[in-house]
């Protein structure tokens, strides 16, 4: 999906990880996988532009959203 936005001319790509939080995923027994789901969502969105490089957060630091 992110690639389609890039192809359409988007310069800003968001991750589709809005429900990937401890409470929401805990409802499905997946609270322990929150970090991995969010990390993978970022990797997918970063890879979408192809030639554009972006820095991923280090896995030993918490990801902060503002």
Protein backbone atom coordinates (compact mmCIF):
# COMPACT_ATOMS: atom_id res chain seq x y z
CA UNK A 1 0.00 0.00 0.00
CA UNK A 2 2.79 2.47 0.87
CA UNK A 3 4.34 1.97 -2.58
CA UNK A 4 1.07 3.06 -4.23
CA UNK A 5 1.19 6.34 -2.29
CA UNK A 6 4.79 6.95 -3.38
CA UNK A 7 3.88 6.17 -7.00
CA UNK A 8 1.03 8.70 -6.74
CA UNK A 9 3.49 11.40 -5.64
CA UNK A 10 3.28 11.34 -1.86
CA UNK A 11 6.32 12.69 -0.07
CA UNK A 12 5.19 11.69 3.41
CA UNK A 13 4.28 8.09 4.26
CA UNK A 14 2.71 7.00 7.54
CA UNK A 15 2.84 3.52 8.98
CA UNK A 16 -0.41 1.63 9.34
CA UNK A 17 0.28 0.73 12.96
CA UNK A 18 -2.40 2.77 14.72
CA UNK A 19 -3.86 -0.30 16.45
CA UNK A 20 -0.46 -1.80 17.25
CA UNK A 21 -0.42 -0.98 20.93
CA UNK A 22 -0.28 -3.09 24.10
CA UNK A 23 -3.96 -2.71 24.96
CA UNK A 24 -5.40 -3.34 21.50
CA UNK A 25 -3.11 -6.24 20.69
CA UNK A 26 -3.53 -7.60 24.22
CA UNK A 27 -7.19 -8.22 23.39
CA UNK A 28 -5.94 -10.83 20.92
CA UNK A 29 -3.16 -12.27 23.08
CA UNK A 30 -0.45 -10.47 21.10
CA UNK A 31 0.73 -7.82 23.58
CA UNK A 32 4.24 -9.27 23.52
CA UNK A 33 4.56 -8.60 19.78
CA UNK A 34 3.83 -4.85 19.80
CA UNK A 35 7.43 -3.75 19.23
CA UNK A 36 7.97 -6.18 16.36
CA UNK A 37 4.70 -5.24 14.63
CA UNK A 38 5.58 -1.53 14.86
CA UNK A 39 9.17 -2.11 13.75
CA UNK A 40 8.01 -4.10 10.72
CA UNK A 41 5.43 -1.43 9.85
CA UNK A 42 8.20 1.18 9.80
CA UNK A 43 10.43 -1.06 7.67
CA UNK A 44 7.66 -1.51 5.09
CA UNK A 45 7.01 2.22 4.86
CA UNK A 46 10.71 3.08 4.69
CA UNK A 47 11.24 0.55 1.91
CA UNK A 48 8.34 1.90 -0.18
CA UNK A 49 10.20 4.78 -1.85
CA UNK A 50 12.87 2.41 -3.11
CA UNK A 51 15.82 4.72 -3.67
CA UNK A 52 15.08 7.10 -0.81
CA UNK A 53 16.98 6.13 2.33
CA UNK A 54 15.68 6.76 5.82
CA UNK A 55 17.00 5.92 9.24
CA UNK A 56 15.16 3.32 11.26
CA UNK A 57 15.17 3.68 15.03
CA UNK A 58 17.66 1.42 16.75
CA UNK A 59 15.93 -1.65 18.13
CA UNK A 60 17.33 -1.05 21.63
CA UNK A 61 15.66 2.37 21.90
CA UNK A 62 11.92 2.94 22.33
CA UNK A 63 10.15 4.38 19.31
CA UNK A 64 8.57 7.71 20.20
CA UNK A 65 5.67 9.19 18.27
CA UNK A 66 4.70 12.83 18.45
